[in-house]
Amino acid sequence: MNVIIEKSWGQALAQEFEKPYFQQLARCLHSEKAQGIRIYPPGNCIFKAFDLCPLDKVKVVILGQDPYHGEGQAMGLSFSVPDGVPAPPSLKNIFKEIENELGVRMSGRPNLEKWAAQGVLLLNAVLTVRAGEPTSHSAIGWQLFTDEVIRVVSQHCEGVVFLLWGNYARSKASLIDQSRHTVLQAAHPSPLARGAFFGCGHFALANDILLSQGKTPIDWIL
């Protein structure tokens, strides 16, 4: 894989791209593409979360699991889909929580690039997926890479707020230096969690924490 990624991330992760597991990961993706297997998101969007949110700008990390596997959905940002694509159920619930917490009205626009541009790293633990096959790339090495991403944020940044939703995301808490950063945990926003996500207060809490550090809060309203 010819890795094209934002400069600060490229420098911080340079050694990772040279490791055998990443080389094998790249070979796997090339092989599947050569076989005509459709992979999401498009190649130029695989590292979009990093491109839109340089390492020194990270204020908040929202961790997802793997990309949406439906056509036209995955765009390289966790939970986000492009404009014109219906918001998936988990994203609808995220918007409901923001409305309830902040007393605002969301437009329903599902593209979260505005958050990324403000310092929200919308990171999936797995960065690619086969079309129509959820979690199909969960065992090819991406999690080794994104675990290192979490460690890099923990080591290089200060005062980041990590939003870990659901058991999978919560399992990453051990990678984070909680003497330097804040970890907020809640149920997953998926409807399968039967509403347990609602009332977590994470969006208002994250902004309170950022303000306490003298940082500009995130404008969550879309």
N, C-alpha and C. Protein backbone atom coordinates (compact mmCIF):
# COMPACT_ATOMS: atom_id res chain seq x y z
N MET A 1 0.84 -1.20 0.00
CA MET A 1 0.00 0.00 0.00
C MET A 1 0.87 1.24 0.00
N ASN A 2 0.57 2.13 -0.91
CA ASN A 2 1.26 3.41 -0.93
C ASN A 2 0.55 4.33 0.05
N VAL A 3 1.11 4.47 1.24
CA VAL A 3 0.44 5.21 2.31
C VAL A 3 0.61 6.71 2.10
N ILE A 4 -0.50 7.39 1.88
CA ILE A 4 -0.51 8.85 1.78
C ILE A 4 -1.33 9.35 2.96
N ILE A 5 -0.67 9.98 3.90
CA ILE A 5 -1.30 10.36 5.15
C ILE A 5 -0.76 11.73 5.58
N GLU A 6 -1.53 12.44 6.34
CA GLU A 6 -1.13 13.77 6.82
C GLU A 6 0.26 13.71 7.48
N LYS A 7 1.04 14.78 7.28
CA LYS A 7 2.48 14.77 7.62
C LYS A 7 2.77 14.42 9.07
N SER A 8 2.06 15.03 10.02
CA SER A 8 2.39 14.78 11.43
C SER A 8 2.14 13.32 11.81
N TRP A 9 1.05 12.76 11.26
CA TRP A 9 0.79 11.34 11.50
C TRP A 9 1.81 10.47 10.79
N GLY A 10 2.17 10.85 9.59
CA GLY A 10 3.16 10.09 8.85
C GLY A 10 4.48 9.98 9.59
N GLN A 11 4.87 11.07 10.22
CA GLN A 11 6.12 11.05 11.00
C GLN A 11 5.97 10.19 12.25
N ALA A 12 4.84 10.32 12.95
CA ALA A 12 4.65 9.59 14.20
C ALA A 12 4.49 8.09 13.98
N LEU A 13 3.97 7.72 12.80
CA LEU A 13 3.66 6.31 12.54
C LEU A 13 4.59 5.68 11.51
N ALA A 14 5.65 6.39 11.16
CA ALA A 14 6.55 5.92 10.08
C ALA A 14 7.05 4.50 10.32
N GLN A 15 7.43 4.19 11.55
CA GLN A 15 7.96 2.85 11.84
C GLN A 15 6.87 1.78 11.69
N GLU A 16 5.63 2.17 11.98
CA GLU A 16 4.53 1.21 11.90
C GLU A 16 4.32 0.73 10.47
N PHE A 17 4.45 1.66 9.53
CA PHE A 17 4.22 1.30 8.13
C PHE A 17 5.26 0.31 7.61
N GLU A 18 6.40 0.24 8.28
CA GLU A 18 7.47 -0.66 7.83
C GLU A 18 7.41 -2.04 8.50
N LYS A 19 6.54 -2.22 9.45
CA LYS A 19 6.49 -3.48 10.19
C LYS A 19 5.87 -4.59 9.34
N PRO A 20 6.29 -5.84 9.59
CA PRO A 20 5.79 -6.96 8.78
C PRO A 20 4.26 -7.07 8.75
N TYR A 21 3.59 -6.83 9.88
CA TYR A 21 2.13 -6.97 9.88
C TYR A 21 1.48 -5.96 8.93
N PHE A 22 2.04 -4.75 8.86
CA PHE A 22 1.44 -3.74 7.99
C PHE A 22 1.72 -4.06 6.53
N GLN A 23 2.91 -4.57 6.25
CA GLN A 23 3.21 -5.00 4.89
C GLN A 23 2.28 -6.13 4.45
N GLN A 24 1.99 -7.05 5.37
CA GLN A 24 1.07 -8.15 5.07
C GLN A 24 -0.35 -7.62 4.87
N LEU A 25 -0.75 -6.66 5.69
CA LEU A 25 -2.05 -6.01 5.55
C LEU A 25 -2.20 -5.40 4.16
N ALA A 26 -1.17 -4.68 3.74
CA ALA A 26 -1.20 -4.05 2.42
C ALA A 26 -1.30 -5.08 1.32
N ARG A 27 -0.57 -6.18 1.45
CA ARG A 27 -0.65 -7.24 0.44
C ARG A 27 -2.05 -7.84 0.38
N CYS A 28 -2.66 -8.00 1.53
CA CYS A 28 -4.02 -8.54 1.60
C CYS A 28 -5.00 -7.65 0.84
N LEU A 29 -4.91 -6.34 1.07
CA LEU A 29 -5.81 -5.41 0.39
C LEU A 29 -5.56 -5.41 -1.12
N HIS A 30 -4.30 -5.41 -1.52
CA HIS A 30 -3.98 -5.44 -2.95
C HIS A 30 -4.51 -6.72 -3.60
N SER A 31 -4.37 -7.84 -2.90
CA SER A 31 -4.83 -9.12 -3.43
C SER A 31 -6.35 -9.13 -3.62
N GLU A 32 -7.07 -8.62 -2.64
CA GLU A 32 -8.52 -8.60 -2.74
C GLU A 32 -8.98 -7.68 -3.87
N LYS A 33 -8.34 -6.54 -3.99
CA LYS A 33 -8.70 -5.63 -5.08
C LYS A 33 -8.42 -6.26 -6.44
N ALA A 34 -7.30 -6.99 -6.54
CA ALA A 34 -6.96 -7.66 -7.80
C ALA A 34 -7.98 -8.72 -8.17
N GLN A 35 -8.63 -9.28 -7.16
CA GLN A 35 -9.67 -10.28 -7.38
C GLN A 35 -11.04 -9.66 -7.68
N GLY A 36 -11.08 -8.34 -7.69
CA GLY A 36 -12.34 -7.66 -7.98
C GLY A 36 -13.24 -7.48 -6.77
N ILE A 37 -12.72 -7.74 -5.59
CA ILE A 37 -13.51 -7.56 -4.36
C ILE A 37 -13.61 -6.07 -4.05
N ARG A 38 -14.83 -5.59 -3.83
CA ARG A 38 -15.01 -4.18 -3.49
C ARG A 38 -14.68 -3.96 -2.02
N ILE A 39 -13.90 -2.93 -1.77
CA ILE A 39 -13.45 -2.60 -0.41
C ILE A 39 -13.88 -1.17 -0.11
N TYR A 40 -14.41 -0.97 1.07
CA TYR A 40 -14.80 0.36 1.54
C TYR A 40 -13.95 0.75 2.74
N PRO A 41 -13.68 2.06 2.93
CA PRO A 41 -14.01 3.17 2.03
C PRO A 41 -13.07 3.19 0.83
N PRO A 42 -13.30 4.10 -0.13
CA PRO A 42 -12.37 4.22 -1.26
C PRO A 42 -10.94 4.45 -0.76
N GLY A 43 -9.98 4.04 -1.55
CA GLY A 43 -8.58 4.12 -1.13
C GLY A 43 -8.14 5.49 -0.65
N ASN A 44 -8.65 6.54 -1.28
CA ASN A 44 -8.22 7.88 -0.89
C ASN A 44 -8.89 8.38 0.38
N CYS A 45 -9.78 7.55 0.94
CA CYS A 45 -10.46 7.93 2.19
C CYS A 45 -10.05 7.07 3.38
N ILE A 46 -9.21 6.07 3.16
CA ILE A 46 -8.86 5.16 4.26
C ILE A 46 -8.26 5.91 5.44
N PHE A 47 -7.44 6.92 5.15
CA PHE A 47 -6.78 7.67 6.23
C PHE A 47 -7.37 9.07 6.40
N LYS A 48 -8.63 9.25 6.01
CA LYS A 48 -9.24 10.58 6.07
C LYS A 48 -9.30 11.11 7.50
N ALA A 49 -9.55 10.25 8.48
CA ALA A 49 -9.62 10.72 9.88
C ALA A 49 -8.33 11.43 10.28
N PHE A 50 -7.21 10.92 9.79
CA PHE A 50 -5.91 11.51 10.10
C PHE A 50 -5.67 12.78 9.28
N ASP A 51 -6.08 12.74 8.03
CA ASP A 51 -5.86 13.88 7.14
C ASP A 51 -6.61 15.12 7.62
N LEU A 52 -7.80 14.94 8.18
CA LEU A 52 -8.61 16.06 8.62
C LEU A 52 -8.28 16.52 10.04
N CYS A 53 -7.56 15.70 10.78
CA CYS A 53 -7.27 16.02 12.19
C CYS A 53 -5.81 15.70 12.51
N PRO A 54 -4.89 16.63 12.22
CA PRO A 54 -3.47 16.40 12.51
C PRO A 54 -3.24 16.07 13.98
N LEU A 55 -2.15 15.37 14.23
CA LEU A 55 -1.85 14.88 15.57
C LEU A 55 -1.84 16.00 16.61
N ASP A 56 -1.25 17.14 16.28
CA ASP A 56 -1.14 18.22 17.26
C ASP A 56 -2.44 18.98 17.46
N LYS A 57 -3.48 18.61 16.70
CA LYS A 57 -4.79 19.27 16.84
C LYS A 57 -5.82 18.42 17.58
N VAL A 58 -5.44 17.19 17.94
CA VAL A 58 -6.41 16.26 18.53
C VAL A 58 -6.86 16.74 19.91
N LYS A 59 -8.16 16.91 20.07
CA LYS A 59 -8.75 17.27 21.36
C LYS A 59 -9.64 16.15 21.91
N VAL A 60 -10.34 15.48 20.99
CA VAL A 60 -11.29 14.43 21.35
C VAL A 60 -11.08 13.25 20.42
N VAL A 61 -11.18 12.04 20.95
CA VAL A 61 -11.14 10.84 20.12
C VAL A 61 -12.46 10.10 20.30
N ILE A 62 -13.14 9.81 19.18
CA ILE A 62 -14.34 8.97 19.20
C ILE A 62 -14.00 7.69 18.45
N LEU A 63 -14.04 6.58 19.17
CA LEU A 63 -13.58 5.30 18.60
C LEU A 63 -14.76 4.45 18.14
N GLY A 64 -14.73 4.11 16.85
CA GLY A 64 -15.67 3.15 16.29
C GLY A 64 -14.99 1.83 16.06
N GLN A 65 -15.76 0.86 15.51
CA GLN A 65 -15.18 -0.47 15.33
C GLN A 65 -14.68 -0.71 13.92
N ASP A 66 -15.59 -0.74 12.93
CA ASP A 66 -15.12 -0.87 11.55
C ASP A 66 -16.05 -0.08 10.64
N PRO A 67 -15.65 0.15 9.39
CA PRO A 67 -16.43 1.01 8.51
C PRO A 67 -17.80 0.41 8.16
N TYR A 68 -18.72 1.27 7.78
CA TYR A 68 -19.98 0.81 7.23
C TYR A 68 -19.71 -0.01 5.97
N HIS A 69 -20.47 -1.08 5.77
CA HIS A 69 -20.20 -1.98 4.64
C HIS A 69 -21.17 -1.80 3.48
N GLY A 70 -22.09 -0.82 3.58
CA GLY A 70 -23.02 -0.56 2.50
C GLY A 70 -22.42 0.40 1.47
N GLU A 71 -22.88 0.30 0.24
CA GLU A 71 -22.36 1.14 -0.83
C GLU A 71 -22.57 2.62 -0.52
N GLY A 72 -21.50 3.40 -0.68
CA GLY A 72 -21.59 4.84 -0.53
C GLY A 72 -21.62 5.34 0.89
N GLN A 73 -21.48 4.45 1.87
CA GLN A 73 -21.57 4.88 3.27
C GLN A 73 -20.21 5.25 3.87
N ALA A 74 -19.25 4.34 3.82
CA ALA A 74 -17.96 4.55 4.49
C ALA A 74 -17.19 5.70 3.86
N MET A 75 -16.66 6.57 4.72
CA MET A 75 -15.91 7.73 4.21
C MET A 75 -14.63 7.97 5.01
N GLY A 76 -14.24 7.00 5.84
CA GLY A 76 -12.98 7.12 6.56
C GLY A 76 -13.07 7.79 7.92
N LEU A 77 -14.28 8.14 8.36
CA LEU A 77 -14.50 8.74 9.67
C LEU A 77 -15.48 7.87 10.43
N SER A 78 -15.18 7.52 11.66
CA SER A 78 -16.09 6.68 12.42
C SER A 78 -17.45 7.35 12.57
N PHE A 79 -18.49 6.55 12.40
CA PHE A 79 -19.91 6.93 12.54
C PHE A 79 -20.42 7.86 11.44
N SER A 80 -19.56 8.43 10.62
CA SER A 80 -19.94 9.42 9.62
C SER A 80 -20.25 8.78 8.28
N VAL A 81 -21.21 9.37 7.55
CA VAL A 81 -21.46 9.01 6.16
C VAL A 81 -21.53 10.30 5.35
N PRO A 82 -21.32 10.21 4.03
CA PRO A 82 -21.31 11.43 3.21
C PRO A 82 -22.67 12.13 3.18
N ASP A 83 -22.64 13.40 2.84
CA ASP A 83 -23.88 14.14 2.63
C ASP A 83 -24.73 13.43 1.58
N GLY A 84 -26.03 13.43 1.81
CA GLY A 84 -26.94 12.79 0.86
C GLY A 84 -27.21 11.33 1.16
N VAL A 85 -26.45 10.75 2.09
CA VAL A 85 -26.66 9.36 2.51
C VAL A 85 -27.44 9.39 3.83
N PRO A 86 -28.48 8.58 3.98
CA PRO A 86 -29.24 8.59 5.24
C PRO A 86 -28.36 8.26 6.43
N ALA A 87 -28.57 8.97 7.53
CA ALA A 87 -27.80 8.70 8.75
C ALA A 87 -28.12 7.30 9.26
N PRO A 88 -27.11 6.46 9.52
CA PRO A 88 -27.35 5.13 10.09
C PRO A 88 -27.93 5.25 11.51
N PRO A 89 -28.52 4.17 12.02
CA PRO A 89 -29.18 4.22 13.33
C PRO A 89 -28.30 4.71 14.48
N SER A 90 -27.05 4.29 14.53
CA SER A 90 -26.17 4.73 15.63
C SER A 90 -25.95 6.22 15.57
N LEU A 91 -25.77 6.76 14.36
CA LEU A 91 -25.55 8.19 14.22
C LEU A 91 -26.80 8.97 14.59
N LYS A 92 -27.95 8.45 14.25
CA LYS A 92 -29.20 9.09 14.66
C LYS A 92 -29.28 9.20 16.17
N ASN A 93 -28.86 8.14 16.85
CA ASN A 93 -28.90 8.17 18.32
C ASN A 93 -27.87 9.14 18.89
N ILE A 94 -26.72 9.27 18.25
CA ILE A 94 -25.72 10.26 18.66
C ILE A 94 -26.33 11.66 18.56
N PHE A 95 -27.01 11.91 17.46
CA PHE A 95 -27.64 13.23 17.28
C PHE A 95 -28.73 13.47 18.33
N LYS A 96 -29.50 12.44 18.65
CA LYS A 96 -30.54 12.59 19.69
C LYS A 96 -29.92 12.96 21.03
N GLU A 97 -28.79 12.32 21.36
CA GLU A 97 -28.12 12.60 22.62
C GLU A 97 -27.62 14.04 22.64
N ILE A 98 -27.05 14.50 21.54
CA ILE A 98 -26.58 15.90 21.47
C ILE A 98 -27.74 16.86 21.66
N GLU A 99 -28.85 16.57 21.00
CA GLU A 99 -30.03 17.44 21.14
C GLU A 99 -30.50 17.49 22.58
N ASN A 100 -30.54 16.34 23.22
CA ASN A 100 -31.01 16.28 24.61
C ASN A 100 -30.05 16.98 25.57
N GLU A 101 -28.76 16.78 25.34
CA GLU A 101 -27.75 17.38 26.24
C GLU A 101 -27.68 18.89 26.10
N LEU A 102 -27.65 19.34 24.86
CA LEU A 102 -27.33 20.74 24.59
C LEU A 102 -28.57 21.58 24.31
N GLY A 103 -29.73 20.94 24.23
CA GLY A 103 -30.96 21.70 23.96
C GLY A 103 -30.95 22.35 22.59
N VAL A 104 -30.41 21.63 21.61
CA VAL A 104 -30.29 22.17 20.26
C VAL A 104 -31.07 21.29 19.29
N ARG A 105 -31.16 21.74 18.06
CA ARG A 105 -31.80 20.97 17.00
C ARG A 105 -30.75 20.63 15.96
N MET A 106 -30.51 19.35 15.74
CA MET A 106 -29.56 18.93 14.71
C MET A 106 -30.26 18.87 13.36
N SER A 107 -29.52 19.17 12.32
CA SER A 107 -30.10 19.16 10.97
C SER A 107 -30.30 17.75 10.45
N GLY A 108 -29.59 16.79 11.06
CA GLY A 108 -29.61 15.43 10.54
C GLY A 108 -28.53 15.18 9.51
N ARG A 109 -27.76 16.23 9.17
CA ARG A 109 -26.67 16.07 8.21
C ARG A 109 -25.67 15.06 8.76
N PRO A 110 -25.40 13.98 8.01
CA PRO A 110 -24.62 12.87 8.57
C PRO A 110 -23.12 12.96 8.40
N ASN A 111 -22.63 14.01 7.73
CA ASN A 111 -21.21 14.15 7.46
C ASN A 111 -20.54 14.85 8.65
N LEU A 112 -19.62 14.16 9.29
CA LEU A 112 -19.00 14.67 10.52
C LEU A 112 -17.65 15.35 10.28
N GLU A 113 -17.37 15.75 9.05
CA GLU A 113 -16.10 16.42 8.77
C GLU A 113 -15.93 17.70 9.59
N LYS A 114 -17.03 18.37 9.89
CA LYS A 114 -16.96 19.59 10.70
C LYS A 114 -16.36 19.29 12.08
N TRP A 115 -16.71 18.14 12.65
CA TRP A 115 -16.12 17.76 13.93
C TRP A 115 -14.64 17.49 13.78
N ALA A 116 -14.26 16.75 12.74
CA ALA A 116 -12.86 16.40 12.53
C ALA A 116 -12.00 17.66 12.39
N ALA A 117 -12.52 18.66 11.69
CA ALA A 117 -11.76 19.89 11.47
C ALA A 117 -11.53 20.67 12.75
N GLN A 118 -12.32 20.36 13.79
CA GLN A 118 -12.16 21.04 15.08
C GLN A 118 -11.28 20.27 16.06
N GLY A 119 -10.76 19.12 15.65
CA GLY A 119 -9.89 18.35 16.53
C GLY A 119 -10.50 17.09 17.09
N VAL A 120 -11.56 16.58 16.44
CA VAL A 120 -12.16 15.31 16.85
C VAL A 120 -11.63 14.21 15.93
N LEU A 121 -10.83 13.31 16.49
CA LEU A 121 -10.30 12.19 15.71
C LEU A 121 -11.36 11.09 15.68
N LEU A 122 -11.98 10.92 14.52
CA LEU A 122 -13.06 9.94 14.34
C LEU A 122 -12.44 8.65 13.83
N LEU A 123 -11.95 7.85 14.76
CA LEU A 123 -11.10 6.71 14.46
C LEU A 123 -11.87 5.39 14.54
N ASN A 124 -11.85 4.65 13.46
CA ASN A 124 -12.30 3.26 13.51
C ASN A 124 -11.13 2.36 13.86
N ALA A 125 -11.38 1.32 14.66
CA ALA A 125 -10.31 0.39 15.01
C ALA A 125 -9.86 -0.42 13.81
N VAL A 126 -10.77 -0.65 12.87
CA VAL A 126 -10.47 -1.33 11.62
C VAL A 126 -10.79 -0.33 10.51
N LEU A 127 -9.88 -0.14 9.56
CA LEU A 127 -10.03 0.97 8.61
C LEU A 127 -10.61 0.59 7.27
N THR A 128 -10.82 -0.71 7.01
CA THR A 128 -11.42 -1.13 5.75
C THR A 128 -12.39 -2.28 6.00
N VAL A 129 -13.22 -2.56 5.00
CA VAL A 129 -14.18 -3.66 5.09
C VAL A 129 -14.55 -4.08 3.67
N ARG A 130 -14.87 -5.36 3.48
CA ARG A 130 -15.39 -5.80 2.19
C ARG A 130 -16.84 -5.37 2.06
N ALA A 131 -17.24 -5.02 0.85
CA ALA A 131 -18.62 -4.63 0.60
C ALA A 131 -19.58 -5.72 1.06
N GLY A 132 -20.54 -5.31 1.89
CA GLY A 132 -21.57 -6.23 2.33
C GLY A 132 -21.15 -7.26 3.35
N GLU A 133 -19.93 -7.15 3.86
CA GLU A 133 -19.43 -8.15 4.83
C GLU A 133 -18.89 -7.46 6.07
N PRO A 134 -19.75 -7.17 7.04
CA PRO A 134 -19.28 -6.48 8.25
C PRO A 134 -18.17 -7.25 8.96
N THR A 135 -17.22 -6.51 9.50
CA THR A 135 -16.05 -7.02 10.25
C THR A 135 -15.16 -7.95 9.41
N SER A 136 -15.30 -7.93 8.08
CA SER A 136 -14.53 -8.85 7.24
C SER A 136 -13.04 -8.59 7.24
N HIS A 137 -12.61 -7.39 7.66
CA HIS A 137 -11.17 -7.09 7.74
C HIS A 137 -10.71 -6.94 9.18
N SER A 138 -11.45 -7.51 10.10
CA SER A 138 -11.11 -7.33 11.52
C SER A 138 -9.88 -8.14 11.94
N ALA A 139 -9.45 -9.08 11.10
CA ALA A 139 -8.33 -9.94 11.48
C ALA A 139 -7.11 -9.78 10.57
N ILE A 140 -7.05 -8.70 9.79
CA ILE A 140 -5.92 -8.58 8.85
C ILE A 140 -4.81 -7.67 9.36
N GLY A 141 -4.97 -7.11 10.56
CA GLY A 141 -3.88 -6.33 11.15
C GLY A 141 -4.20 -4.90 11.48
N TRP A 142 -5.36 -4.41 11.07
CA TRP A 142 -5.67 -3.00 11.34
C TRP A 142 -5.66 -2.67 12.81
N GLN A 143 -6.08 -3.58 13.66
CA GLN A 143 -6.17 -3.26 15.09
C GLN A 143 -4.79 -3.06 15.72
N LEU A 144 -3.78 -3.74 15.20
CA LEU A 144 -2.42 -3.48 15.66
C LEU A 144 -2.03 -2.04 15.34
N PHE A 145 -2.43 -1.60 14.14
CA PHE A 145 -2.11 -0.24 13.71
C PHE A 145 -2.86 0.80 14.54
N THR A 146 -4.15 0.63 14.69
CA THR A 146 -4.93 1.65 15.40
C THR A 146 -4.69 1.63 16.91
N ASP A 147 -4.29 0.49 17.45
CA ASP A 147 -3.85 0.49 18.86
C ASP A 147 -2.64 1.40 19.02
N GLU A 148 -1.74 1.34 18.05
CA GLU A 148 -0.55 2.21 18.09
C GLU A 148 -0.96 3.67 17.93
N VAL A 149 -1.98 3.93 17.10
CA VAL A 149 -2.49 5.30 16.96
C VAL A 149 -2.96 5.83 18.31
N ILE A 150 -3.70 5.01 19.04
CA ILE A 150 -4.18 5.43 20.36
C ILE A 150 -3.01 5.69 21.30
N ARG A 151 -2.00 4.83 21.26
CA ARG A 151 -0.80 5.05 22.09
C ARG A 151 -0.09 6.34 21.71
N VAL A 152 0.00 6.60 20.42
CA VAL A 152 0.66 7.83 19.94
C VAL A 152 -0.07 9.06 20.46
N VAL A 153 -1.39 9.07 20.37
CA VAL A 153 -2.16 10.19 20.91
C VAL A 153 -1.91 10.33 22.40
N SER A 154 -1.93 9.21 23.11
CA SER A 154 -1.71 9.23 24.55
C SER A 154 -0.35 9.79 24.92
N GLN A 155 0.67 9.46 24.12
CA GLN A 155 2.04 9.87 24.42
C GLN A 155 2.37 11.28 23.96
N HIS A 156 1.80 11.70 22.82
CA HIS A 156 2.21 12.95 22.19
C HIS A 156 1.30 14.13 22.50
N CYS A 157 0.09 13.87 22.97
CA CYS A 157 -0.88 14.93 23.21
C CYS A 157 -1.12 15.09 24.71
N GLU A 158 -1.79 16.17 25.07
CA GLU A 158 -2.13 16.42 26.47
C GLU A 158 -3.63 16.75 26.57
N GLY A 159 -4.27 16.19 27.58
CA GLY A 159 -5.63 16.57 27.89
C GLY A 159 -6.68 16.17 26.87
N VAL A 160 -6.44 15.08 26.16
CA VAL A 160 -7.41 14.61 25.18
C VAL A 160 -8.57 13.92 25.89
N VAL A 161 -9.78 14.10 25.37
CA VAL A 161 -10.96 13.41 25.90
C VAL A 161 -11.26 12.23 24.97
N PHE A 162 -11.20 11.03 25.50
CA PHE A 162 -11.51 9.81 24.74
C PHE A 162 -12.93 9.38 25.05
N LEU A 163 -13.76 9.25 24.03
CA LEU A 163 -15.13 8.79 24.18
C LEU A 163 -15.20 7.34 23.72
N LEU A 164 -15.36 6.44 24.68
CA LEU A 164 -15.35 5.00 24.40
C LEU A 164 -16.75 4.45 24.63
N TRP A 165 -17.40 4.08 23.54
CA TRP A 165 -18.79 3.64 23.59
C TRP A 165 -18.89 2.16 23.23
N GLY A 166 -19.43 1.38 24.16
CA GLY A 166 -19.57 -0.05 23.94
C GLY A 166 -18.37 -0.82 24.44
N ASN A 167 -18.56 -2.11 24.62
CA ASN A 167 -17.52 -2.94 25.22
C ASN A 167 -16.24 -2.97 24.40
N TYR A 168 -16.37 -2.99 23.08
CA TYR A 168 -15.17 -3.05 22.25
C TYR A 168 -14.31 -1.81 22.45
N ALA A 169 -14.92 -0.64 22.36
CA ALA A 169 -14.16 0.61 22.54
C ALA A 169 -13.59 0.69 23.96
N ARG A 170 -14.38 0.27 24.93
CA ARG A 170 -13.92 0.31 26.33
C ARG A 170 -12.67 -0.53 26.53
N SER A 171 -12.53 -1.58 25.74
CA SER A 171 -11.36 -2.46 25.90
C SER A 171 -10.06 -1.75 25.55
N LYS A 172 -10.15 -0.59 24.91
CA LYS A 172 -8.95 0.17 24.54
C LYS A 172 -8.48 1.14 25.63
N ALA A 173 -9.22 1.22 26.72
CA ALA A 173 -8.88 2.17 27.78
C ALA A 173 -7.48 1.94 28.34
N SER A 174 -7.03 0.69 28.34
CA SER A 174 -5.72 0.37 28.91
C SER A 174 -4.57 0.95 28.09
N LEU A 175 -4.84 1.38 26.86
CA LEU A 175 -3.81 1.97 26.01
C LEU A 175 -3.58 3.45 26.31
N ILE A 176 -4.43 4.02 27.16
CA ILE A 176 -4.45 5.47 27.38
C ILE A 176 -3.90 5.81 28.76
N ASP A 177 -3.01 6.79 28.81
CA ASP A 177 -2.47 7.28 30.08
C ASP A 177 -3.51 8.20 30.71
N GLN A 178 -4.25 7.65 31.67
CA GLN A 178 -5.37 8.40 32.24
C GLN A 178 -4.93 9.42 33.29
N SER A 179 -3.62 9.52 33.51
CA SER A 179 -3.12 10.63 34.33
C SER A 179 -2.96 11.89 33.49
N ARG A 180 -2.98 11.74 32.16
CA ARG A 180 -2.81 12.88 31.24
C ARG A 180 -4.06 13.17 30.44
N HIS A 181 -4.95 12.20 30.35
CA HIS A 181 -6.12 12.31 29.50
C HIS A 181 -7.37 11.88 30.26
N THR A 182 -8.53 12.19 29.71
CA THR A 182 -9.80 11.80 30.31
C THR A 182 -10.46 10.74 29.44
N VAL A 183 -10.91 9.66 30.07
CA VAL A 183 -11.63 8.60 29.37
C VAL A 183 -13.08 8.59 29.86
N LEU A 184 -14.01 8.81 28.94
CA LEU A 184 -15.44 8.74 29.25
C LEU A 184 -16.01 7.49 28.58
N GLN A 185 -16.71 6.67 29.34
CA GLN A 185 -17.22 5.41 28.83
C GLN A 185 -18.74 5.37 28.91
N ALA A 186 -19.35 4.74 27.91
CA ALA A 186 -20.80 4.61 27.88
C ALA A 186 -21.17 3.40 27.03
N ALA A 187 -22.46 3.06 27.03
CA ALA A 187 -22.95 2.04 26.12
C ALA A 187 -22.81 2.52 24.68
N HIS A 188 -22.87 1.60 23.76
CA HIS A 188 -22.79 1.95 22.34
C HIS A 188 -24.08 2.64 21.91
N PRO A 189 -23.99 3.61 20.98
CA PRO A 189 -25.20 4.28 20.51
C PRO A 189 -26.10 3.43 19.63
N SER A 190 -25.69 2.23 19.29
CA SER A 190 -26.52 1.35 18.47
C SER A 190 -27.87 1.10 19.13
N PRO A 191 -28.94 1.00 18.34
CA PRO A 191 -30.24 0.62 18.91
C PRO A 191 -30.21 -0.72 19.64
N LEU A 192 -29.24 -1.57 19.32
CA LEU A 192 -29.12 -2.86 20.00
C LEU A 192 -28.85 -2.69 21.49
N ALA A 193 -28.33 -1.51 21.88
CA ALA A 193 -28.06 -1.23 23.30
C ALA A 193 -29.32 -0.78 24.03
N ARG A 194 -30.44 -0.72 23.30
CA ARG A 194 -31.76 -0.44 23.89
C ARG A 194 -31.79 0.86 24.69
N GLY A 195 -31.15 1.87 24.14
CA GLY A 195 -31.24 3.19 24.74
C GLY A 195 -30.28 3.46 25.88
N ALA A 196 -29.38 2.51 26.17
CA ALA A 196 -28.46 2.68 27.30
C ALA A 196 -27.47 3.81 27.07
N PHE A 197 -27.28 4.21 25.82
CA PHE A 197 -26.37 5.31 25.49
C PHE A 197 -26.93 6.65 25.95
N PHE A 198 -28.25 6.77 25.93
CA PHE A 198 -28.88 8.06 26.21
C PHE A 198 -28.65 8.49 27.65
N GLY A 199 -28.33 9.76 27.80
CA GLY A 199 -28.06 10.30 29.12
C GLY A 199 -26.61 10.24 29.54
N CYS A 200 -25.73 9.80 28.62
CA CYS A 200 -24.31 9.69 28.99
C CYS A 200 -23.68 11.06 29.25
N GLY A 201 -24.21 12.09 28.59
CA GLY A 201 -23.69 13.44 28.82
C GLY A 201 -22.33 13.73 28.24
N HIS A 202 -21.84 12.88 27.35
CA HIS A 202 -20.45 12.97 26.93
C HIS A 202 -20.11 14.24 26.14
N PHE A 203 -21.04 14.76 25.39
CA PHE A 203 -20.71 15.91 24.54
C PHE A 203 -20.55 17.18 25.37
N ALA A 204 -21.45 17.37 26.31
CA ALA A 204 -21.31 18.51 27.22
C ALA A 204 -20.11 18.33 28.13
N LEU A 205 -19.91 17.10 28.63
CA LEU A 205 -18.77 16.82 29.52
C LEU A 205 -17.45 17.08 28.81
N ALA A 206 -17.35 16.61 27.57
CA ALA A 206 -16.10 16.81 26.82
C ALA A 206 -15.79 18.30 26.70
N ASN A 207 -16.81 19.09 26.40
CA ASN A 207 -16.57 20.53 26.26
C ASN A 207 -16.21 21.17 27.59
N ASP A 208 -16.82 20.73 28.68
CA ASP A 208 -16.45 21.26 30.00
C ASP A 208 -14.99 20.97 30.30
N ILE A 209 -14.55 19.77 29.95
CA ILE A 209 -13.15 19.38 30.20
C ILE A 209 -12.21 20.23 29.33
N LEU A 210 -12.56 20.41 28.07
CA LEU A 210 -11.73 21.23 27.19
C LEU A 210 -11.65 22.67 27.70
N LEU A 211 -12.78 23.22 28.11
CA LEU A 211 -12.80 24.59 28.63
C LEU A 211 -11.95 24.71 29.88
N SER A 212 -11.96 23.70 30.73
CA SER A 212 -11.17 23.73 31.97
C SER A 212 -9.68 23.76 31.68
N GLN A 213 -9.29 23.32 30.48
CA GLN A 213 -7.89 23.33 30.07
C GLN A 213 -7.55 24.57 29.24
N GLY A 214 -8.51 25.46 29.07
CA GLY A 214 -8.29 26.64 28.26
C GLY A 214 -8.36 26.39 26.76
N LYS A 215 -8.96 25.27 26.38
CA LYS A 215 -9.09 24.93 24.96
C LYS A 215 -10.47 25.36 24.45
N THR A 216 -10.55 25.57 23.16
CA THR A 216 -11.81 25.89 22.53
C THR A 216 -12.70 24.65 22.49
N PRO A 217 -13.93 24.75 22.95
CA PRO A 217 -14.82 23.58 22.93
C PRO A 217 -15.21 23.20 21.51
N ILE A 218 -15.76 22.02 21.36
CA ILE A 218 -16.21 21.55 20.06
C ILE A 218 -17.63 22.05 19.80
N ASP A 219 -17.84 22.58 18.62
CA ASP A 219 -19.19 22.94 18.19
C ASP A 219 -19.80 21.66 17.58
N TRP A 220 -20.63 20.99 18.39
CA TRP A 220 -21.19 19.70 17.96
C TRP A 220 -22.37 19.85 17.00
N ILE A 221 -22.90 21.07 16.88
CA ILE A 221 -24.14 21.27 16.13
C ILE A 221 -23.87 21.18 14.63
N LEU A 222 -24.62 20.33 13.98
CA LEU A 222 -24.51 20.16 12.53
C LEU A 222 -25.83 20.59 11.88
